[in-house]
Amino acid sequence: MEKEKHHIVPYKVYFYILITLIILTFMSIGITKINLGGYSVLGALIFSTIKSVLVLTWFMHLKFDQPFLRFMVGFVALVFFAIIFITFLDYYYR
């Protein structure tokens, strides 16, 4: 524990990430007002994925963790997306 490096992130970076998250939230709300048909869900999923990545990397400090932890989070995300994809395929071919 004593040999771990501590990272100091300036408040300005957190503020920019917060502003970005707020803008993306309003964009995801705004995309519901546009009639995109079946692509509305895809647009909302893209915005939520971007917001999740920002929260994971900066607010949960995944950027500064060991590479093994980043690999594990990526693996869990890959499994999650595979399950979602299989669910959509099942729904589509019924």
PDB file of N, CA and C in Angstrom:
ATOM      1  N   MET A   1       0.805  -1.189   0.000  1.00  0.00           N
ATOM      2  CA  MET A   1       0.000   0.000   0.000  1.00  0.00           C
ATOM      3  C   MET A   1       0.851   1.257   0.000  1.00  0.00           C
ATOM      4  N   GLU A   2       1.969   1.206   0.667  1.00  0.00           N
ATOM      5  CA  GLU A   2       2.786   2.400   0.772  1.00  0.00           C
ATOM      6  C   GLU A   2       3.510   2.709  -0.535  1.00  0.00           C
ATOM      7  N   LYS A   3       3.670   1.714  -1.403  1.00  0.00           N
ATOM      8  CA  LYS A   3       4.389   1.924  -2.652  1.00  0.00           C
ATOM      9  C   LYS A   3       3.484   2.352  -3.794  1.00  0.00           C
ATOM     10  N   GLU A   4       2.183   2.450  -3.532  1.00  0.00           N
ATOM     11  CA  GLU A   4       1.258   2.862  -4.583  1.00  0.00           C
ATOM     12  C   GLU A   4       1.446   4.335  -4.912  1.00  0.00           C
ATOM     13  N   LYS A   5       1.355   4.636  -6.194  1.00  0.00           N
ATOM     14  CA  LYS A   5       1.442   6.028  -6.616  1.00  0.00           C
ATOM     15  C   LYS A   5       0.079   6.682  -6.460  1.00  0.00           C
ATOM     16  N   HIS A   6       0.079   7.871  -5.943  1.00  0.00           N
ATOM     17  CA  HIS A   6      -1.153   8.630  -5.823  1.00  0.00           C
ATOM     18  C   HIS A   6      -1.238   9.589  -6.990  1.00  0.00           C
ATOM     19  N   HIS A   7      -2.400   9.709  -7.527  1.00  0.00           N
ATOM     20  CA  HIS A   7      -2.606  10.606  -8.649  1.00  0.00           C
ATOM     21  C   HIS A   7      -3.477  11.757  -8.194  1.00  0.00           C
ATOM     22  N   ILE A   8      -3.139  12.903  -8.670  1.00  0.00           N
ATOM     23  CA  ILE A   8      -3.904  14.098  -8.344  1.00  0.00           C
ATOM     24  C   ILE A   8      -4.489  14.621  -9.644  1.00  0.00           C
ATOM     25  N   VAL A   9      -5.805  14.631  -9.700  1.00  0.00           N
ATOM     26  CA  VAL A   9      -6.499  15.132 -10.880  1.00  0.00           C
ATOM     27  C   VAL A   9      -7.037  16.513 -10.533  1.00  0.00           C
ATOM     28  N   PRO A  10      -6.724  17.511 -11.341  1.00  0.00           N
ATOM     29  CA  PRO A  10      -7.232  18.852 -11.041  1.00  0.00           C
ATOM     30  C   PRO A  10      -8.756  18.918 -11.128  1.00  0.00           C
ATOM     31  N   TYR A  11      -9.328  19.812 -10.355  1.00  0.00           N
ATOM     32  CA  TYR A  11     -10.778  19.971 -10.355  1.00  0.00           C
ATOM     33  C   TYR A  11     -11.300  20.423 -11.714  1.00  0.00           C
ATOM     34  N   LYS A  12     -10.464  21.076 -12.473  1.00  0.00           N
ATOM     35  CA  LYS A  12     -10.864  21.547 -13.795  1.00  0.00           C
ATOM     36  C   LYS A  12     -11.228  20.372 -14.705  1.00  0.00           C
ATOM     37  N   VAL A  13     -10.489  19.270 -14.602  1.00  0.00           N
ATOM     38  CA  VAL A  13     -10.774  18.085 -15.412  1.00  0.00           C
ATOM     39  C   VAL A  13     -12.126  17.500 -15.021  1.00  0.00           C
ATOM     40  N   TYR A  14     -12.381  17.408 -13.711  1.00  0.00           N
ATOM     41  CA  TYR A  14     -13.676  16.910 -13.247  1.00  0.00           C
ATOM     42  C   TYR A  14     -14.818  17.812 -13.708  1.00  0.00           C
ATOM     43  N   PHE A  15     -14.571  19.105 -13.703  1.00  0.00           N
ATOM     44  CA  PHE A  15     -15.594  20.046 -14.148  1.00  0.00           C
ATOM     45  C   PHE A  15     -15.895  19.854 -15.635  1.00  0.00           C
ATOM     46  N   TYR A  16     -14.861  19.682 -16.465  1.00  0.00           N
ATOM     47  CA  TYR A  16     -15.067  19.463 -17.904  1.00  0.00           C
ATOM     48  C   TYR A  16     -15.800  18.150 -18.168  1.00  0.00           C
ATOM     49  N   ILE A  17     -15.458  17.121 -17.420  1.00  0.00           N
ATOM     50  CA  ILE A  17     -16.150  15.840 -17.577  1.00  0.00           C
ATOM     51  C   ILE A  17     -17.609  15.984 -17.164  1.00  0.00           C
ATOM     52  N   LEU A  18     -17.860  16.712 -16.084  1.00  0.00           N
ATOM     53  CA  LEU A  18     -19.229  16.940 -15.637  1.00  0.00           C
ATOM     54  C   LEU A  18     -20.035  17.694 -16.686  1.00  0.00           C
ATOM     55  N   ILE A  19     -19.461  18.727 -17.263  1.00  0.00           N
ATOM     56  CA  ILE A  19     -20.146  19.491 -18.309  1.00  0.00           C
ATOM     57  C   ILE A  19     -20.419  18.599 -19.516  1.00  0.00           C
ATOM     58  N   THR A  20     -19.457  17.754 -19.876  1.00  0.00           N
ATOM     59  CA  THR A  20     -19.645  16.827 -20.993  1.00  0.00           C
ATOM     60  C   THR A  20     -20.779  15.851 -20.704  1.00  0.00           C
ATOM     61  N   LEU A  21     -20.839  15.330 -19.476  1.00  0.00           N
ATOM     62  CA  LEU A  21     -21.909  14.409 -19.109  1.00  0.00           C
ATOM     63  C   LEU A  21     -23.274  15.095 -19.152  1.00  0.00           C
ATOM     64  N   ILE A  22     -23.336  16.341 -18.718  1.00  0.00           N
ATOM     65  CA  ILE A  22     -24.607  17.074 -18.767  1.00  0.00           C
ATOM     66  C   ILE A  22     -25.034  17.318 -20.207  1.00  0.00           C
ATOM     67  N   ILE A  23     -24.092  17.691 -21.053  1.00  0.00           N
ATOM     68  CA  ILE A  23     -24.407  17.917 -22.474  1.00  0.00           C
ATOM     69  C   ILE A  23     -24.884  16.618 -23.126  1.00  0.00           C
ATOM     70  N   LEU A  24     -24.201  15.511 -22.840  1.00  0.00           N
ATOM     71  CA  LEU A  24     -24.610  14.227 -23.416  1.00  0.00           C
ATOM     72  C   LEU A  24     -25.975  13.792 -22.894  1.00  0.00           C
ATOM     73  N   THR A  25     -26.285  14.131 -21.643  1.00  0.00           N
ATOM     74  CA  THR A  25     -27.602  13.814 -21.105  1.00  0.00           C
ATOM     75  C   THR A  25     -28.687  14.579 -21.845  1.00  0.00           C
ATOM     76  N   PHE A  26     -28.461  15.871 -22.066  1.00  0.00           N
ATOM     77  CA  PHE A  26     -29.439  16.654 -22.812  1.00  0.00           C
ATOM     78  C   PHE A  26     -29.543  16.199 -24.269  1.00  0.00           C
ATOM     79  N   MET A  27     -28.421  15.745 -24.839  1.00  0.00           N
ATOM     80  CA  MET A  27     -28.474  15.220 -26.202  1.00  0.00           C
ATOM     81  C   MET A  27     -29.267  13.917 -26.259  1.00  0.00           C
ATOM     82  N   SER A  28     -29.117  13.072 -25.241  1.00  0.00           N
ATOM     83  CA  SER A  28     -29.878  11.819 -25.240  1.00  0.00           C
ATOM     84  C   SER A  28     -31.365  12.088 -25.013  1.00  0.00           C
ATOM     85  N   ILE A  29     -31.693  13.136 -24.274  1.00  0.00           N
ATOM     86  CA  ILE A  29     -33.095  13.532 -24.146  1.00  0.00           C
ATOM     87  C   ILE A  29     -33.593  14.101 -25.458  1.00  0.00           C
ATOM     88  N   GLY A  30     -32.764  14.901 -26.110  1.00  0.00           N
ATOM     89  CA  GLY A  30     -33.153  15.514 -27.378  1.00  0.00           C
ATOM     90  C   GLY A  30     -33.346  14.522 -28.504  1.00  0.00           C
ATOM     91  N   ILE A  31     -32.628  13.401 -28.451  1.00  0.00           N
ATOM     92  CA  ILE A  31     -32.758  12.419 -29.529  1.00  0.00           C
ATOM     93  C   ILE A  31     -34.123  11.737 -29.483  1.00  0.00           C
ATOM     94  N   THR A  32     -34.771  11.777 -28.324  1.00  0.00           N
ATOM     95  CA  THR A  32     -36.106  11.191 -28.250  1.00  0.00           C
ATOM     96  C   THR A  32     -37.147  12.064 -28.946  1.00  0.00           C
ATOM     97  N   LYS A  33     -36.839  13.335 -29.117  1.00  0.00           N
ATOM     98  CA  LYS A  33     -37.771  14.253 -29.789  1.00  0.00           C
ATOM     99  C   LYS A  33     -37.708  14.108 -31.310  1.00  0.00           C
ATOM    100  N   ILE A  34     -36.632  13.516 -31.802  1.00  0.00           N
ATOM    101  CA  ILE A  34     -36.446  13.306 -33.239  1.00  0.00           C
ATOM    102  C   ILE A  34     -36.971  11.920 -33.587  1.00  0.00           C
ATOM    103  N   ASN A  35     -37.740  11.818 -34.651  1.00  0.00           N
ATOM    104  CA  ASN A  35     -38.298  10.529 -35.063  1.00  0.00           C
ATOM    105  C   ASN A  35     -37.264   9.786 -35.909  1.00  0.00           C
ATOM    106  N   LEU A  36     -36.531   8.889 -35.276  1.00  0.00           N
ATOM    107  CA  LEU A  36     -35.527   8.100 -35.978  1.00  0.00           C
ATOM    108  C   LEU A  36     -35.965   6.656 -36.197  1.00  0.00           C
ATOM    109  N   GLY A  37     -37.173   6.349 -35.791  1.00  0.00           N
ATOM    110  CA  GLY A  37     -37.675   4.989 -35.951  1.00  0.00           C
ATOM    111  C   GLY A  37     -36.944   4.030 -35.027  1.00  0.00           C
ATOM    112  N   GLY A  38     -36.429   2.967 -35.605  1.00  0.00           N
ATOM    113  CA  GLY A  38     -35.713   1.954 -34.834  1.00  0.00           C
ATOM    114  C   GLY A  38     -34.338   2.391 -34.380  1.00  0.00           C
ATOM    115  N   TYR A  39     -33.833   3.469 -34.938  1.00  0.00           N
ATOM    116  CA  TYR A  39     -32.505   3.939 -34.580  1.00  0.00           C
ATOM    117  C   TYR A  39     -32.497   4.802 -33.331  1.00  0.00           C
ATOM    118  N   SER A  40     -33.655   5.111 -32.785  1.00  0.00           N
ATOM    119  CA  SER A  40     -33.718   5.895 -31.556  1.00  0.00           C
ATOM    120  C   SER A  40     -33.069   5.149 -30.396  1.00  0.00           C
ATOM    121  N   VAL A  41     -33.326   3.863 -30.319  1.00  0.00           N
ATOM    122  CA  VAL A  41     -32.727   3.049 -29.261  1.00  0.00           C
ATOM    123  C   VAL A  41     -31.221   2.977 -29.445  1.00  0.00           C
ATOM    124  N   LEU A  42     -30.781   2.823 -30.681  1.00  0.00           N
ATOM    125  CA  LEU A  42     -29.351   2.772 -30.958  1.00  0.00           C
ATOM    126  C   LEU A  42     -28.680   4.079 -30.549  1.00  0.00           C
ATOM    127  N   GLY A  43     -29.292   5.205 -30.867  1.00  0.00           N
ATOM    128  CA  GLY A  43     -28.728   6.498 -30.484  1.00  0.00           C
ATOM    129  C   GLY A  43     -28.640   6.650 -28.976  1.00  0.00           C
ATOM    130  N   ALA A  44     -29.684   6.244 -28.270  1.00  0.00           N
ATOM    131  CA  ALA A  44     -29.666   6.326 -26.809  1.00  0.00           C
ATOM    132  C   ALA A  44     -28.596   5.405 -26.221  1.00  0.00           C
ATOM    133  N   LEU A  45     -28.416   4.233 -26.799  1.00  0.00           N
ATOM    134  CA  LEU A  45     -27.380   3.311 -26.319  1.00  0.00           C
ATOM    135  C   LEU A  45     -25.976   3.856 -26.564  1.00  0.00           C
ATOM    136  N   ILE A  46     -25.791   4.534 -27.681  1.00  0.00           N
ATOM    137  CA  ILE A  46     -24.480   5.131 -27.971  1.00  0.00           C
ATOM    138  C   ILE A  46     -24.163   6.221 -26.955  1.00  0.00           C
ATOM    139  N   PHE A  47     -25.136   7.097 -26.685  1.00  0.00           N
ATOM    140  CA  PHE A  47     -24.906   8.155 -25.704  1.00  0.00           C
ATOM    141  C   PHE A  47     -24.650   7.568 -24.315  1.00  0.00           C
ATOM    142  N   SER A  48     -25.385   6.553 -23.932  1.00  0.00           N
ATOM    143  CA  SER A  48     -25.187   5.965 -22.606  1.00  0.00           C
ATOM    144  C   SER A  48     -23.842   5.243 -22.505  1.00  0.00           C
ATOM    145  N   THR A  49     -23.379   4.660 -23.598  1.00  0.00           N
ATOM    146  CA  THR A  49     -22.074   4.006 -23.593  1.00  0.00           C
ATOM    147  C   THR A  49     -20.964   5.032 -23.415  1.00  0.00           C
ATOM    148  N   ILE A  50     -21.058   6.139 -24.120  1.00  0.00           N
ATOM    149  CA  ILE A  50     -20.051   7.195 -23.991  1.00  0.00           C
ATOM    150  C   ILE A  50     -20.036   7.741 -22.566  1.00  0.00           C
ATOM    151  N   LYS A  51     -21.214   7.965 -21.997  1.00  0.00           N
ATOM    152  CA  LYS A  51     -21.278   8.478 -20.629  1.00  0.00           C
ATOM    153  C   LYS A  51     -20.722   7.460 -19.636  1.00  0.00           C
ATOM    154  N   SER A  52     -20.988   6.192 -19.854  1.00  0.00           N
ATOM    155  CA  SER A  52     -20.463   5.153 -18.962  1.00  0.00           C
ATOM    156  C   SER A  52     -18.942   5.089 -19.012  1.00  0.00           C
ATOM    157  N   VAL A  53     -18.387   5.212 -20.187  1.00  0.00           N
ATOM    158  CA  VAL A  53     -16.932   5.183 -20.327  1.00  0.00           C
ATOM    159  C   VAL A  53     -16.305   6.378 -19.610  1.00  0.00           C
ATOM    160  N   LEU A  54     -16.908   7.549 -19.748  1.00  0.00           N
ATOM    161  CA  LEU A  54     -16.382   8.727 -19.051  1.00  0.00           C
ATOM    162  C   LEU A  54     -16.436   8.548 -17.538  1.00  0.00           C
ATOM    163  N   VAL A  55     -17.536   8.038 -17.030  1.00  0.00           N
ATOM    164  CA  VAL A  55     -17.655   7.840 -15.587  1.00  0.00           C
ATOM    165  C   VAL A  55     -16.663   6.787 -15.102  1.00  0.00           C
ATOM    166  N   LEU A  56     -16.531   5.696 -15.851  1.00  0.00           N
ATOM    167  CA  LEU A  56     -15.603   4.640 -15.440  1.00  0.00           C
ATOM    168  C   LEU A  56     -14.156   5.121 -15.437  1.00  0.00           C
ATOM    169  N   THR A  57     -13.762   5.865 -16.470  1.00  0.00           N
ATOM    170  CA  THR A  57     -12.359   6.244 -16.562  1.00  0.00           C
ATOM    171  C   THR A  57     -11.976   7.359 -15.604  1.00  0.00           C
ATOM    172  N   TRP A  58     -12.825   8.339 -15.422  1.00  0.00           N
ATOM    173  CA  TRP A  58     -12.436   9.494 -14.618  1.00  0.00           C
ATOM    174  C   TRP A  58     -12.972   9.454 -13.196  1.00  0.00           C
ATOM    175  N   PHE A  59     -14.274   9.283 -13.024  1.00  0.00           N
ATOM    176  CA  PHE A  59     -14.838   9.361 -11.679  1.00  0.00           C
ATOM    177  C   PHE A  59     -14.548   8.109 -10.864  1.00  0.00           C
ATOM    178  N   MET A  60     -14.402   6.973 -11.517  1.00  0.00           N
ATOM    179  CA  MET A  60     -14.078   5.747 -10.795  1.00  0.00           C
ATOM    180  C   MET A  60     -12.584   5.428 -10.879  1.00  0.00           C
ATOM    181  N   HIS A  61     -11.808   6.333 -11.445  1.00  0.00           N
ATOM    182  CA  HIS A  61     -10.341   6.271 -11.501  1.00  0.00           C
ATOM    183  C   HIS A  61      -9.814   5.017 -12.181  1.00  0.00           C
ATOM    184  N   LEU A  62     -10.556   4.489 -13.119  1.00  0.00           N
ATOM    185  CA  LEU A  62     -10.089   3.300 -13.829  1.00  0.00           C
ATOM    186  C   LEU A  62      -8.886   3.629 -14.701  1.00  0.00           C
ATOM    187  N   LYS A  63      -8.771   4.874 -15.095  1.00  0.00           N
ATOM    188  CA  LYS A  63      -7.635   5.302 -15.914  1.00  0.00           C
ATOM    189  C   LYS A  63      -6.311   5.116 -15.174  1.00  0.00           C
ATOM    190  N   PHE A  64      -6.362   5.223 -13.857  1.00  0.00           N
ATOM    191  CA  PHE A  64      -5.135   5.164 -13.074  1.00  0.00           C
ATOM    192  C   PHE A  64      -4.920   3.811 -12.406  1.00  0.00           C
ATOM    193  N   ASP A  65      -5.816   2.865 -12.610  1.00  0.00           N
ATOM    194  CA  ASP A  65      -5.679   1.541 -12.005  1.00  0.00           C
ATOM    195  C   ASP A  65      -4.757   0.656 -12.829  1.00  0.00           C
ATOM    196  N   GLN A  66      -4.545  -0.527 -12.299  1.00  0.00           N
ATOM    197  CA  GLN A  66      -3.669  -1.479 -12.970  1.00  0.00           C
ATOM    198  C   GLN A  66      -4.312  -1.967 -14.264  1.00  0.00           C
ATOM    199  N   PRO A  67      -3.498  -2.334 -15.250  1.00  0.00           N
ATOM    200  CA  PRO A  67      -4.049  -2.804 -16.524  1.00  0.00           C
ATOM    201  C   PRO A  67      -4.943  -4.035 -16.384  1.00  0.00           C
ATOM    202  N   PHE A  68      -4.676  -4.879 -15.391  1.00  0.00           N
ATOM    203  CA  PHE A  68      -5.494  -6.070 -15.196  1.00  0.00           C
ATOM    204  C   PHE A  68      -6.939  -5.683 -14.880  1.00  0.00           C
ATOM    205  N   LEU A  69      -7.135  -4.661 -14.067  1.00  0.00           N
ATOM    206  CA  LEU A  69      -8.489  -4.226 -13.735  1.00  0.00           C
ATOM    207  C   LEU A  69      -9.201  -3.657 -14.959  1.00  0.00           C
ATOM    208  N   ARG A  70      -8.469  -2.930 -15.777  1.00  0.00           N
ATOM    209  CA  ARG A  70      -9.064  -2.414 -17.022  1.00  0.00           C
ATOM    210  C   ARG A  70      -9.462  -3.563 -17.943  1.00  0.00           C
ATOM    211  N   PHE A  71      -8.634  -4.587 -17.991  1.00  0.00           N
ATOM    212  CA  PHE A  71      -8.953  -5.765 -18.796  1.00  0.00           C
ATOM    213  C   PHE A  71     -10.210  -6.446 -18.284  1.00  0.00           C
ATOM    214  N   MET A  72     -10.329  -6.570 -16.973  1.00  0.00           N
ATOM    215  CA  MET A  72     -11.498  -7.227 -16.383  1.00  0.00           C
ATOM    216  C   MET A  72     -12.773  -6.430 -16.662  1.00  0.00           C
ATOM    217  N   VAL A  73     -12.714  -5.130 -16.546  1.00  0.00           N
ATOM    218  CA  VAL A  73     -13.890  -4.298 -16.832  1.00  0.00           C
ATOM    219  C   VAL A  73     -14.258  -4.413 -18.308  1.00  0.00           C
ATOM    220  N   GLY A  74     -13.260  -4.419 -19.176  1.00  0.00           N
ATOM    221  CA  GLY A  74     -13.521  -4.597 -20.602  1.00  0.00           C
ATOM    222  C   GLY A  74     -14.139  -5.958 -20.904  1.00  0.00           C
ATOM    223  N   PHE A  75     -13.665  -6.991 -20.233  1.00  0.00           N
ATOM    224  CA  PHE A  75     -14.216  -8.325 -20.430  1.00  0.00           C
ATOM    225  C   PHE A  75     -15.668  -8.394 -19.979  1.00  0.00           C
ATOM    226  N   VAL A  76     -15.974  -7.803 -18.830  1.00  0.00           N
ATOM    227  CA  VAL A  76     -17.351  -7.798 -18.338  1.00  0.00           C
ATOM    228  C   VAL A  76     -18.249  -7.018 -19.298  1.00  0.00           C
ATOM    229  N   ALA A  77     -17.758  -5.896 -19.808  1.00  0.00           N
ATOM    230  CA  ALA A  77     -18.537  -5.115 -20.775  1.00  0.00           C
ATOM    231  C   ALA A  77     -18.773  -5.919 -22.053  1.00  0.00           C
ATOM    232  N   LEU A  78     -17.770  -6.657 -22.503  1.00  0.00           N
ATOM    233  CA  LEU A  78     -17.910  -7.484 -23.695  1.00  0.00           C
ATOM    234  C   LEU A  78     -18.959  -8.581 -23.489  1.00  0.00           C
ATOM    235  N   VAL A  79     -18.934  -9.229 -22.337  1.00  0.00           N
ATOM    236  CA  VAL A  79     -19.933 -10.254 -22.033  1.00  0.00           C
ATOM    237  C   VAL A  79     -21.329  -9.630 -21.972  1.00  0.00           C
ATOM    238  N   PHE A  80     -21.427  -8.453 -21.356  1.00  0.00           N
ATOM    239  CA  PHE A  80     -22.714  -7.766 -21.264  1.00  0.00           C
ATOM    240  C   PHE A  80     -23.266  -7.453 -22.658  1.00  0.00           C
ATOM    241  N   PHE A  81     -22.427  -6.906 -23.530  1.00  0.00           N
ATOM    242  CA  PHE A  81     -22.889  -6.583 -24.876  1.00  0.00           C
ATOM    243  C   PHE A  81     -23.242  -7.837 -25.672  1.00  0.00           C
ATOM    244  N   ALA A  82     -22.535  -8.927 -25.435  1.00  0.00           N
ATOM    245  CA  ALA A  82     -22.866 -10.184 -26.110  1.00  0.00           C
ATOM    246  C   ALA A  82     -24.239 -10.680 -25.667  1.00  0.00           C
ATOM    247  N   ILE A  83     -24.537 -10.567 -24.383  1.00  0.00           N
ATOM    248  CA  ILE A  83     -25.845 -10.992 -23.886  1.00  0.00           C
ATOM    249  C   ILE A  83     -26.947 -10.109 -24.465  1.00  0.00           C
ATOM    250  N   ILE A  84     -26.715  -8.810 -24.513  1.00  0.00           N
ATOM    251  CA  ILE A  84     -27.700  -7.893 -25.094  1.00  0.00           C
ATOM    252  C   ILE A  84     -27.909  -8.219 -26.576  1.00  0.00           C
ATOM    253  N   PHE A  85     -26.818  -8.490 -27.289  1.00  0.00           N
ATOM    254  CA  PHE A  85     -26.907  -8.815 -28.712  1.00  0.00           C
ATOM    255  C   PHE A  85     -27.700 -10.102 -28.932  1.00  0.00           C
ATOM    256  N   ILE A  86     -27.434 -11.115 -28.125  1.00  0.00           N
ATOM    257  CA  ILE A  86     -28.157 -12.376 -28.245  1.00  0.00           C
ATOM    258  C   ILE A  86     -29.639 -12.184 -27.925  1.00  0.00           C
ATOM    259  N   THR A  87     -29.928 -11.339 -26.946  1.00  0.00           N
ATOM    260  CA  THR A  87     -31.325 -11.057 -26.604  1.00  0.00           C
ATOM    261  C   THR A  87     -32.042 -10.380 -27.758  1.00  0.00           C
ATOM    262  N   PHE A  88     -31.382  -9.401 -28.393  1.00  0.00           N
ATOM    263  CA  PHE A  88     -31.998  -8.738 -29.542  1.00  0.00           C
ATOM    264  C   PHE A  88     -32.186  -9.700 -30.716  1.00  0.00           C
ATOM    265  N   LEU A  89     -31.236 -10.604 -30.923  1.00  0.00           N
ATOM    266  CA  LEU A  89     -31.397 -11.599 -31.986  1.00  0.00           C
ATOM    267  C   LEU A  89     -32.574 -12.513 -31.699  1.00  0.00           C
ATOM    268  N   ASP A  90     -32.719 -12.914 -30.455  1.00  0.00           N
ATOM    269  CA  ASP A  90     -33.834 -13.766 -30.076  1.00  0.00           C
ATOM    270  C   ASP A  90     -35.165 -13.036 -30.299  1.00  0.00           C
ATOM    271  N   TYR A  91     -35.216 -11.812 -29.932  1.00  0.00           N
ATOM    272  CA  TYR A  91     -36.441 -11.014 -30.111  1.00  0.00           C
ATOM    273  C   TYR A  91     -36.737 -10.799 -31.601  1.00  0.00           C
ATOM    274  N   TYR A  92     -35.696 -10.580 -32.385  1.00  0.00           N
ATOM    275  CA  TYR A  92     -35.873 -10.307 -33.817  1.00  0.00           C
ATOM    276  C   TYR A  92     -36.378 -11.530 -34.585  1.00  0.00           C
ATOM    277  N   TYR A  93     -35.892 -12.710 -34.243  1.00  0.00           N
ATOM    278  CA  TYR A  93     -36.265 -13.914 -34.999  1.00  0.00           C
ATOM    279  C   TYR A  93     -37.441 -14.682 -34.410  1.00  0.00           C
ATOM    280  N   ARG A  94     -38.195 -14.113 -33.521  1.00  0.00           N
ATOM    281  CA  ARG A  94     -39.393 -14.783 -33.001  1.00  0.00           C
ATOM    282  C   ARG A  94     -40.543 -14.573 -33.949  1.00  0.00           C
TER     283      ARG A  94
END
